[in-house]
Amino acid sequence: MKKNLLLILSSALTFSGYSQKEADNWYFGTFAKLSFVTGSPVAGVGSLASTEGTASISSPSGATLFYTDGVTVWDVTNSPMPNGTGLMGDGSSSQSAIVVPSPTSPSQYYLFTTPPDGGTAGFRYSMVDMTLNAGKGDVTATKNVMLTDSIAEKICAIKDAFGSGYWIMVHKWGTDEFYAYHLTATGIAAPVVSHAGSVHTTTTFQNTYGQMKFNMCGDKLALAIGYQDKIELFDFNKSTGVVSNAISFPMGYHVYGVEFSQNSQNLYATTYDPSATLVAFNITLPSETLIAASKVPLSNTSGLYALQIGSHGKIYVAESFGSPFLGVINNPDIFGAGANYDEMGITIDPNGNGTGGSLGLPSFLQDYLKENIECTVGIAEDNEKDELRVYPNPSSSNFILRPNREIAQVRVFDNMGRLIETFQPKNSEYIFGNNYSSGVYFISVQRHETISYYKVVKE
């Protein structure tokens, strides 16, 4: 039998109890702080007041090292570092900064900054050395080093495929170019340039707005193109830095935030659409049409902006200027209403300290949020050694599913991406589909390490 398999997701996920804590202290909005060190978020107070993006870094045990709005760097005492002012990012950039550890020194960090509105300040980096200033850290003489100009307000970072270096990704404004900078023990290499997806046009500076994120395993990349009103999804090669295979979702309204679920099966986005300000896509579906059609609204509350996943897998939603709350997607691995979005998930200022939210949330190296998810890559070949049979295909009555090994779950979608049926085969053979209407269906087969897809036709 010839396999009808369309694809296998390349992210195989394994969880363990250990969790890194480098991303457990968040500084954002108007003097707001949240600490996730003990598990549940605890509100506090910082010195940062930012309109949009921020960045922070903690020790592996969860002690704050420093945080920034892209202009000033504050230490653990909430004081500006002696040389920590005058950075050329901006607190009104969607993702103003990100911190990446040095591959050669555990006490040093690269602090990358982005300008607002595609400005001439460009994409730059500075170095922070935690051995300076009596162990509270300081920005070194390597400060505001230019890498390229005219980029959008987007930045994200992930470990490379070898685990010893990092990819730092930005997008050039006015082009379709992704710039992937490879940071290794020898420094920052010239960027790998990929032409993929839409040109981020210069017709309005608001087209620079919006977040960009890697998924947990770094094989997917998503971004929001502000006033071009679209979300785009790509493949990413962690070995080469190449971005490819664009999928575009026109939204009809302006867009801002994006984030992947921890299991990489769902993509969340915020929009200005008054009927759907927070939406989810099922990105495991096997075609662009089906993924776009799977869009499910989770909120119609106005003023939703940045999205950021926490180390425990929940996704947090910024709720505009001065908001006393962050929204929380409590179960983002579950698609649809089961994701359980809470508009008032966290109170930012329970003690009346005058703190509040804004449009932005901090950006982190995605690896800090994986909770030891282990990622493998595998693409199924079309051959006779099929591990699962679905027959007859086409069928005018029912289908028979016969697995050769254990299956966790089977889901059936129609050609519009709507979930038709979910089941778990208890025996060696399962019969289904007798009541299906004529048409094309996609069968999602989840095992412990992969999700695969089969296409069947009901006559």
Protein backbone atom coordinates (compact mmCIF):
# COMPACT_ATOMS: atom_id res chain seq x y z
CA MET A 1 0.00 0.00 0.00
CA LYS A 2 1.29 3.43 -0.86
CA LYS A 3 1.35 5.79 2.11
CA ASN A 4 -1.07 8.74 2.09
CA LEU A 5 1.00 10.52 4.72
CA LEU A 6 1.28 14.26 4.03
CA LEU A 7 3.70 15.36 6.71
CA ILE A 8 5.06 14.72 10.17
CA LEU A 9 5.63 17.60 12.54
CA SER A 10 9.32 17.93 13.25
CA SER A 11 8.92 18.72 16.95
CA ALA A 12 8.95 15.68 19.18
CA LEU A 13 8.29 16.74 22.75
CA THR A 14 9.44 15.17 26.00
CA PHE A 15 8.85 16.81 29.38
CA SER A 16 10.75 16.56 32.65
CA GLY A 17 10.30 18.22 36.03
CA TYR A 18 13.28 20.56 35.87
CA SER A 19 12.66 24.11 34.74
CA GLN A 20 15.10 26.87 33.93
CA LYS A 21 14.45 30.18 35.66
CA GLU A 22 16.31 32.70 33.47
CA ALA A 23 12.93 33.98 32.21
CA ASP A 24 11.16 33.99 35.60
CA ASN A 25 11.32 37.73 36.39
CA TRP A 26 9.30 40.03 34.14
CA TYR A 27 9.61 43.82 34.13
CA PHE A 28 7.16 45.71 31.90
CA GLY A 29 4.56 48.46 31.69
CA THR A 30 4.59 51.16 34.36
CA PHE A 31 6.96 49.90 37.08
CA ALA A 32 5.33 46.45 36.93
CA LYS A 33 7.11 43.24 37.88
CA LEU A 34 6.00 39.62 38.00
CA SER A 35 8.11 36.84 39.48
CA PHE A 36 7.42 33.22 38.51
CA VAL A 37 10.26 31.78 40.61
CA THR A 38 7.91 29.97 43.01
CA GLY A 39 5.56 28.87 40.23
CA SER A 40 2.51 31.14 40.51
CA PRO A 41 3.24 34.75 39.51
CA VAL A 42 3.93 37.19 42.34
CA ALA A 43 3.52 40.92 41.65
CA GLY A 44 6.24 43.39 42.58
CA VAL A 45 7.70 46.76 41.63
CA GLY A 46 10.52 47.71 39.26
CA SER A 47 11.98 50.97 37.95
CA LEU A 48 11.09 50.54 34.28
CA ALA A 49 8.27 52.48 32.61
CA SER A 50 7.85 51.34 29.01
CA THR A 51 5.14 51.83 26.42
CA GLU A 52 5.88 48.53 24.67
CA GLY A 53 8.69 45.98 24.59
CA THR A 54 11.18 45.14 27.35
CA ALA A 55 13.71 42.41 28.16
CA SER A 56 15.14 40.86 31.31
CA ILE A 57 17.43 38.05 32.43
CA SER A 58 17.75 36.09 35.67
CA SER A 59 20.21 33.54 36.97
CA PRO A 60 19.45 29.81 36.55
CA SER A 61 18.15 29.85 40.14
CA GLY A 62 15.79 32.74 39.41
CA ALA A 63 17.63 35.77 40.85
CA THR A 64 17.16 38.94 38.78
CA LEU A 65 20.35 39.99 37.00
CA PHE A 66 19.15 42.98 34.97
CA TYR A 67 16.30 44.33 32.87
CA THR A 68 15.89 46.97 30.16
CA ASP A 69 13.52 49.00 28.01
CA GLY A 70 16.15 49.14 25.25
CA VAL A 71 17.46 52.51 26.48
CA THR A 72 18.40 52.00 30.15
CA VAL A 73 19.67 48.88 31.92
CA TRP A 74 18.64 48.43 35.58
CA ASP A 75 20.37 46.06 38.01
CA VAL A 76 18.90 43.87 40.74
CA THR A 77 18.59 46.88 43.09
CA ASN A 78 16.39 48.64 40.49
CA SER A 79 19.17 51.18 39.87
CA PRO A 80 20.54 52.07 36.42
CA MET A 81 23.91 50.47 35.76
CA PRO A 82 26.72 53.09 35.75
CA ASN A 83 27.19 52.78 31.98
CA GLY A 84 23.68 51.49 31.44
CA THR A 85 22.01 54.50 29.88
CA GLY A 86 21.89 55.77 26.32
CA LEU A 87 21.28 52.47 24.55
CA MET A 88 19.75 53.00 21.13
CA GLY A 89 16.65 50.86 21.42
CA ASP A 90 13.33 52.34 22.42
CA GLY A 91 10.54 51.53 24.85
CA SER A 92 8.01 52.21 22.11
CA SER A 93 9.32 49.37 19.94
CA SER A 94 7.13 46.25 19.91
CA GLN A 95 10.12 44.12 20.91
CA SER A 96 12.67 46.66 22.05
CA ALA A 97 15.38 44.27 23.22
CA ILE A 98 16.43 40.70 23.91
CA VAL A 99 19.22 39.26 26.07
CA VAL A 100 21.35 36.35 24.85
CA PRO A 101 24.14 34.77 26.94
CA SER A 102 27.70 34.87 25.68
CA PRO A 103 28.80 31.49 24.28
CA THR A 104 32.23 32.00 25.89
CA SER A 105 31.53 33.50 29.34
CA PRO A 106 28.73 32.73 31.82
CA SER A 107 29.06 36.22 33.31
CA GLN A 108 28.58 38.13 30.05
CA TYR A 109 25.47 38.82 27.99
CA TYR A 110 24.69 40.29 24.58
CA LEU A 111 21.90 42.86 24.76
CA PHE A 112 20.35 43.39 21.32
CA THR A 113 18.13 46.43 20.70
CA THR A 114 15.65 47.49 18.01
CA PRO A 115 14.46 51.02 17.11
CA PRO A 116 10.84 52.19 16.77
CA ASP A 117 9.16 52.72 13.41
CA GLY A 118 12.03 51.29 11.34
CA GLY A 119 14.21 54.18 12.52
CA THR A 120 17.80 54.97 11.59
CA ALA A 121 19.13 53.86 14.99
CA GLY A 122 19.08 50.36 13.53
CA PHE A 123 19.74 46.95 15.03
CA ARG A 124 22.54 47.12 17.61
CA TYR A 125 24.10 45.23 20.48
CA SER A 126 25.84 46.06 23.74
CA MET A 127 27.65 43.82 26.22
CA VAL A 128 26.76 43.44 29.91
CA ASP A 129 29.39 42.01 32.26
CA MET A 130 28.03 40.77 35.59
CA THR A 131 31.47 40.79 37.24
CA LEU A 132 31.51 44.62 37.14
CA ASN A 133 30.00 47.10 39.64
CA ALA A 134 30.58 44.88 42.68
CA GLY A 135 28.79 41.96 41.02
CA LYS A 136 25.67 43.95 40.09
CA GLY A 137 26.84 44.26 36.47
CA ASP A 138 27.50 47.04 34.01
CA VAL A 139 27.45 47.74 30.30
CA THR A 140 30.99 47.48 28.93
CA ALA A 141 32.75 49.68 26.38
CA THR A 142 31.19 47.45 23.71
CA LYS A 143 28.03 49.48 23.42
CA ASN A 144 25.55 50.31 20.65
CA VAL A 145 27.47 48.37 18.01
CA MET A 146 25.57 48.68 14.73
CA LEU A 147 24.63 45.50 12.87
CA THR A 148 22.15 46.81 10.29
CA ASP A 149 19.72 49.68 9.81
CA SER A 150 16.02 49.95 8.92
CA ILE A 151 14.53 46.94 10.65
CA ALA A 152 11.00 46.32 11.86
CA GLU A 153 10.17 46.34 15.57
CA LYS A 154 10.70 42.58 15.82
CA ILE A 155 13.37 40.36 17.33
CA CYS A 156 13.57 36.78 18.60
CA ALA A 157 16.33 34.32 19.43
CA ILE A 158 16.83 30.55 19.71
CA LYS A 159 19.74 28.15 20.25
CA ASP A 160 21.21 26.75 17.07
CA ALA A 161 20.98 23.08 16.09
CA PHE A 162 24.36 22.37 17.66
CA GLY A 163 23.44 23.79 21.07
CA SER A 164 26.57 25.92 21.36
CA GLY A 165 25.46 29.07 19.55
CA TYR A 166 22.39 31.18 18.94
CA TRP A 167 20.34 32.60 16.09
CA ILE A 168 19.11 36.17 16.54
CA MET A 169 16.42 37.04 14.01
CA VAL A 170 15.26 40.44 12.74
CA HIS A 171 13.31 41.57 9.66
CA LYS A 172 14.37 44.35 7.30
CA TRP A 173 11.76 47.02 6.75
CA GLY A 174 10.71 47.66 3.15
CA THR A 175 11.75 44.15 2.05
CA ASP A 176 10.87 40.47 2.40
CA GLU A 177 14.25 39.81 4.02
CA PHE A 178 14.89 37.98 7.26
CA TYR A 179 18.34 38.58 8.77
CA ALA A 180 19.49 35.66 10.93
CA TYR A 181 22.64 36.51 12.90
CA HIS A 182 24.63 33.53 14.15
CA LEU A 183 26.28 34.14 17.52
CA THR A 184 29.00 31.62 18.35
CA ALA A 185 32.24 31.51 20.34
CA THR A 186 33.92 33.41 17.50
CA GLY A 187 31.40 36.29 17.67
CA ILE A 188 28.54 37.44 15.45
CA ALA A 189 28.78 36.29 11.84
CA ALA A 190 27.43 38.15 8.81
CA PRO A 191 23.67 37.54 8.59
CA VAL A 192 22.03 34.72 6.71
CA VAL A 193 19.52 36.53 4.50
CA SER A 194 16.28 34.77 3.52
CA HIS A 195 13.64 36.10 1.14
CA ALA A 196 10.34 34.70 2.39
CA GLY A 197 6.80 35.89 2.84
CA SER A 198 5.53 39.43 2.33
CA VAL A 199 7.43 42.63 1.75
CA HIS A 200 7.04 44.75 4.89
CA THR A 201 6.10 47.88 2.99
CA THR A 202 7.13 51.42 3.92
CA THR A 203 3.76 52.95 3.02
CA THR A 204 3.16 53.56 6.74
CA PHE A 205 5.54 53.24 9.68
CA GLN A 206 2.92 51.16 11.51
CA ASN A 207 3.88 48.26 9.24
CA THR A 208 6.93 47.85 11.48
CA TYR A 209 4.65 47.04 14.42
CA GLY A 210 4.13 43.54 15.75
CA GLN A 211 5.90 40.64 17.42
CA MET A 212 7.98 37.80 15.96
CA LYS A 213 8.47 34.47 17.75
CA PHE A 214 10.12 31.08 17.36
CA ASN A 215 8.27 28.03 18.57
CA MET A 216 9.89 25.98 21.33
CA CYS A 217 11.89 23.72 19.05
CA GLY A 218 12.93 26.55 16.73
CA ASP A 219 11.69 24.91 13.54
CA LYS A 220 8.80 27.37 13.13
CA LEU A 221 8.74 31.17 13.07
CA ALA A 222 5.70 33.46 13.15
CA LEU A 223 5.25 37.23 12.93
CA ALA A 224 2.60 39.93 12.82
CA ILE A 225 2.86 42.66 10.17
CA GLY A 226 1.08 45.55 11.91
CA TYR A 227 -0.98 47.58 9.48
CA GLN A 228 -0.59 45.15 6.60
CA ASP A 229 -3.13 43.17 8.59
CA LYS A 230 -1.61 39.72 8.31
CA ILE A 231 0.03 36.95 10.31
CA GLU A 232 2.71 34.83 8.63
CA LEU A 233 4.13 31.43 9.54
CA PHE A 234 7.42 29.97 8.28
CA ASP A 235 9.77 27.02 8.57
CA PHE A 236 13.18 27.72 10.12
CA ASN A 237 16.35 25.68 9.74
CA LYS A 238 18.34 25.82 12.99
CA SER A 239 21.44 24.50 11.23
CA THR A 240 21.58 27.03 8.39
CA GLY A 241 19.50 29.99 9.59
CA VAL A 242 17.28 29.83 6.50
CA VAL A 243 13.62 30.91 6.66
CA SER A 244 11.28 29.29 4.10
CA ASN A 245 7.79 28.05 3.21
CA ALA A 246 5.69 31.09 4.05
CA ILE A 247 2.04 30.71 5.01
CA SER A 248 0.09 33.97 5.15
CA PHE A 249 -3.14 34.61 7.05
CA PRO A 250 -4.83 37.87 6.00
CA MET A 251 -6.72 39.08 9.06
CA GLY A 252 -8.75 42.04 7.77
CA TYR A 253 -7.66 44.13 10.77
CA HIS A 254 -4.37 45.36 12.24
CA VAL A 255 -2.32 42.77 14.14
CA TYR A 256 0.24 42.91 16.94
CA GLY A 257 0.99 39.87 19.13
CA VAL A 258 1.95 36.30 18.25
CA GLU A 259 2.89 33.28 20.36
CA PHE A 260 3.08 29.49 19.95
CA SER A 261 1.66 27.00 22.41
CA GLN A 262 4.32 25.00 24.18
CA ASN A 263 3.51 21.88 22.16
CA SER A 264 3.85 23.97 18.93
CA GLN A 265 0.46 22.84 17.66
CA ASN A 266 -1.39 26.15 18.09
CA LEU A 267 -0.55 29.72 17.12
CA TYR A 268 -2.14 32.64 18.95
CA ALA A 269 -2.44 36.22 17.70
CA THR A 270 -3.97 39.53 18.80
CA THR A 271 -5.83 41.77 16.38
CA TYR A 272 -7.78 45.02 16.26
CA ASP A 273 -10.86 43.14 15.03
CA PRO A 274 -13.62 44.14 17.49
CA SER A 275 -15.23 40.73 17.15
CA ALA A 276 -12.02 38.70 17.59
CA THR A 277 -9.17 40.46 19.40
CA LEU A 278 -7.51 37.17 20.40
CA VAL A 279 -7.52 34.26 17.96
CA ALA A 280 -6.01 30.79 17.67
CA PHE A 281 -4.92 28.79 14.63
CA ASN A 282 -4.40 25.03 14.48
CA ILE A 283 -1.05 24.92 12.67
CA THR A 284 -0.89 21.11 12.60
CA LEU A 285 -3.30 21.07 9.67
CA PRO A 286 -1.71 20.03 6.38
CA SER A 287 -2.42 23.04 4.16
CA GLU A 288 -2.42 26.82 4.20
CA THR A 289 -6.15 26.88 3.46
CA LEU A 290 -7.00 24.58 6.34
CA ILE A 291 -4.80 26.43 8.84
CA ALA A 292 -6.30 29.80 7.88
CA ALA A 293 -9.82 28.35 8.08
CA SER A 294 -9.18 26.94 11.56
CA LYS A 295 -9.12 30.44 13.13
CA VAL A 296 -11.06 30.48 16.40
CA PRO A 297 -11.82 33.70 18.34
CA LEU A 298 -11.11 33.57 22.08
CA SER A 299 -11.90 37.17 23.05
CA ASN A 300 -13.56 40.33 21.79
CA THR A 301 -12.13 42.59 24.52
CA SER A 302 -10.55 45.64 22.92
CA GLY A 303 -6.94 46.63 23.50
CA LEU A 304 -5.10 43.29 23.48
CA TYR A 305 -1.48 43.48 22.34
CA ALA A 306 1.69 41.54 23.21
CA LEU A 307 1.65 37.81 23.93
CA GLN A 308 4.31 36.00 25.96
CA ILE A 309 4.52 32.41 27.11
CA GLY A 310 5.73 31.64 30.63
CA SER A 311 8.02 28.81 31.71
CA HIS A 312 4.98 26.81 32.92
CA GLY A 313 3.32 26.95 29.48
CA LYS A 314 0.59 29.55 30.09
CA ILE A 315 0.44 32.50 27.68
CA TYR A 316 0.02 36.04 29.02
CA VAL A 317 -1.77 38.83 27.19
CA ALA A 318 -1.00 42.55 27.56
CA GLU A 319 -4.18 44.58 27.96
CA SER A 320 -3.26 48.12 26.93
CA PHE A 321 -2.01 51.17 28.83
CA GLY A 322 -2.50 51.22 32.58
CA SER A 323 -4.42 47.96 32.72
CA PRO A 324 -4.40 46.43 36.23
CA PHE A 325 -4.56 42.95 34.69
CA LEU A 326 -2.86 40.58 32.31
CA GLY A 327 -5.04 38.14 30.46
CA VAL A 328 -4.03 34.46 30.69
CA ILE A 329 -4.50 31.62 28.22
CA ASN A 330 -4.46 28.86 30.81
CA ASN A 331 -4.31 25.79 28.56
CA PRO A 332 -2.80 26.94 25.25
CA ASP A 333 -1.90 23.39 24.20
CA ILE A 334 -5.66 22.77 23.83
CA PHE A 335 -7.15 24.21 20.68
CA GLY A 336 -10.30 26.30 20.85
CA ALA A 337 -12.46 27.09 23.88
CA GLY A 338 -10.57 24.53 25.95
CA ALA A 339 -7.60 26.93 25.95
CA ASN A 340 -9.52 28.69 28.74
CA TYR A 341 -8.74 32.37 28.28
CA ASP A 342 -9.19 34.50 31.42
CA GLU A 343 -9.48 38.25 30.74
CA MET A 344 -8.40 39.09 34.30
CA GLY A 345 -5.97 36.25 34.85
CA ILE A 346 -3.40 38.19 36.89
CA THR A 347 -3.72 41.33 38.97
CA ILE A 348 -0.60 43.41 38.30
CA ASP A 349 -0.96 45.75 41.29
CA PRO A 350 -2.61 43.88 44.17
CA ASN A 351 -0.89 46.06 46.81
CA GLY A 352 -1.74 49.48 45.38
CA ASN A 353 1.81 50.43 44.35
CA GLY A 354 0.69 52.32 41.26
CA THR A 355 1.99 49.76 38.77
CA GLY A 356 0.17 48.94 35.54
CA GLY A 357 0.45 47.27 32.19
CA SER A 358 1.10 48.62 28.70
CA LEU A 359 1.17 47.26 25.15
CA GLY A 360 4.32 45.21 25.64
CA LEU A 361 5.73 42.27 27.56
CA PRO A 362 9.35 41.14 27.93
CA SER A 363 11.12 39.14 25.22
CA PHE A 364 13.25 36.09 26.08
CA LEU A 365 15.51 33.57 24.43
CA GLN A 366 12.93 30.91 23.62
CA ASP A 367 15.04 28.09 25.06
CA TYR A 368 14.55 29.50 28.56
CA LEU A 369 10.84 28.62 28.30
CA LYS A 370 11.04 25.04 27.13
CA GLU A 371 10.85 23.20 30.48
CA ASN A 372 13.30 20.68 29.02
CA ILE A 373 11.26 19.91 25.93
CA GLU A 374 13.55 17.77 23.80
CA CYS A 375 13.27 18.34 20.09
CA THR A 376 14.02 15.89 17.32
CA VAL A 377 13.58 16.20 13.59
CA GLY A 378 12.18 13.57 11.30
CA ILE A 379 10.38 13.58 7.95
CA ALA A 380 8.44 10.49 6.91
CA GLU A 381 9.27 8.96 3.57
CA ASP A 382 6.60 7.69 1.19
CA ASN A 383 7.28 3.95 1.14
CA GLU A 384 5.71 0.54 1.58
CA LYS A 385 6.67 0.17 5.26
CA ASP A 386 3.55 1.93 6.47
CA GLU A 387 3.01 2.01 10.23
CA LEU A 388 -0.70 2.74 9.80
CA ARG A 389 -3.26 1.85 7.17
CA VAL A 390 -6.46 3.74 6.37
CA TYR A 391 -8.58 1.92 3.78
CA PRO A 392 -10.47 1.69 1.52
CA ASN A 393 -9.53 5.06 0.10
CA PRO A 394 -11.61 6.43 -1.60
CA SER A 395 -14.60 4.90 0.18
CA SER A 396 -18.33 5.10 -0.44
CA SER A 397 -19.16 3.73 3.02
CA ASN A 398 -16.74 3.61 5.95
CA PHE A 399 -12.99 3.71 6.48
CA ILE A 400 -10.91 1.22 8.43
CA LEU A 401 -7.94 2.47 10.45
CA ARG A 402 -5.39 -0.22 11.33
CA PRO A 403 -2.33 0.91 13.36
CA ASN A 404 0.80 -1.18 13.78
CA ARG A 405 1.61 0.43 17.14
CA GLU A 406 -0.03 2.42 19.92
CA ILE A 407 -1.87 5.61 19.05
CA ALA A 408 -2.65 8.30 21.62
CA GLN A 409 -5.37 10.11 19.69
CA VAL A 410 -6.95 10.38 16.25
CA ARG A 411 -8.70 13.53 15.06
CA VAL A 412 -10.59 13.95 11.77
CA PHE A 413 -10.94 17.36 10.06
CA ASP A 414 -12.96 18.30 7.02
CA ASN A 415 -11.42 20.31 4.18
CA MET A 416 -12.36 23.58 5.96
CA GLY A 417 -10.34 22.65 9.02
CA ARG A 418 -13.37 21.86 11.21
CA LEU A 419 -12.96 19.06 13.74
CA ILE A 420 -15.36 16.25 12.84
CA GLU A 421 -14.45 13.47 15.23
CA THR A 422 -11.93 12.50 17.91
CA PHE A 423 -11.23 8.93 19.00
CA GLN A 424 -8.60 6.62 20.44
CA PRO A 425 -8.44 3.18 18.85
CA LYS A 426 -8.74 0.57 21.58
CA ASN A 427 -8.24 -2.40 19.31
CA SER A 428 -6.12 -3.23 16.32
CA GLU A 429 -8.84 -1.97 13.98
CA TYR A 430 -11.22 1.00 14.12
CA ILE A 431 -14.11 1.65 11.74
CA PHE A 432 -15.30 5.21 11.17
CA GLY A 433 -16.72 7.63 8.61
CA ASN A 434 -19.93 5.87 7.61
CA ASN A 435 -21.94 9.04 8.36
CA TYR A 436 -19.50 11.44 6.66
CA SER A 437 -20.68 13.51 3.73
CA SER A 438 -18.87 13.27 0.41
CA GLY A 439 -15.62 15.18 0.37
CA VAL A 440 -11.97 15.28 1.44
CA TYR A 441 -10.95 14.62 5.07
CA PHE A 442 -7.65 14.82 6.93
CA ILE A 443 -6.86 12.34 9.67
CA SER A 444 -4.47 13.54 12.39
CA VAL A 445 -2.77 10.62 14.13
CA GLN A 446 -0.95 11.49 17.35
CA ARG A 447 1.62 9.18 18.82
CA HIS A 448 3.91 10.05 21.70
CA GLU A 449 6.61 11.46 19.46
CA THR A 450 4.91 12.58 16.26
CA ILE A 451 1.73 13.79 14.65
CA SER A 452 1.10 12.51 11.15
CA TYR A 453 -1.60 13.23 8.58
CA TYR A 454 -3.51 11.08 6.14
CA LYS A 455 -5.83 12.30 3.42
CA VAL A 456 -8.95 10.29 2.63
CA VAL A 457 -11.83 10.81 0.22
CA LYS A 458 -15.45 9.96 0.93
CA GLU A 459 -17.33 9.35 -2.32
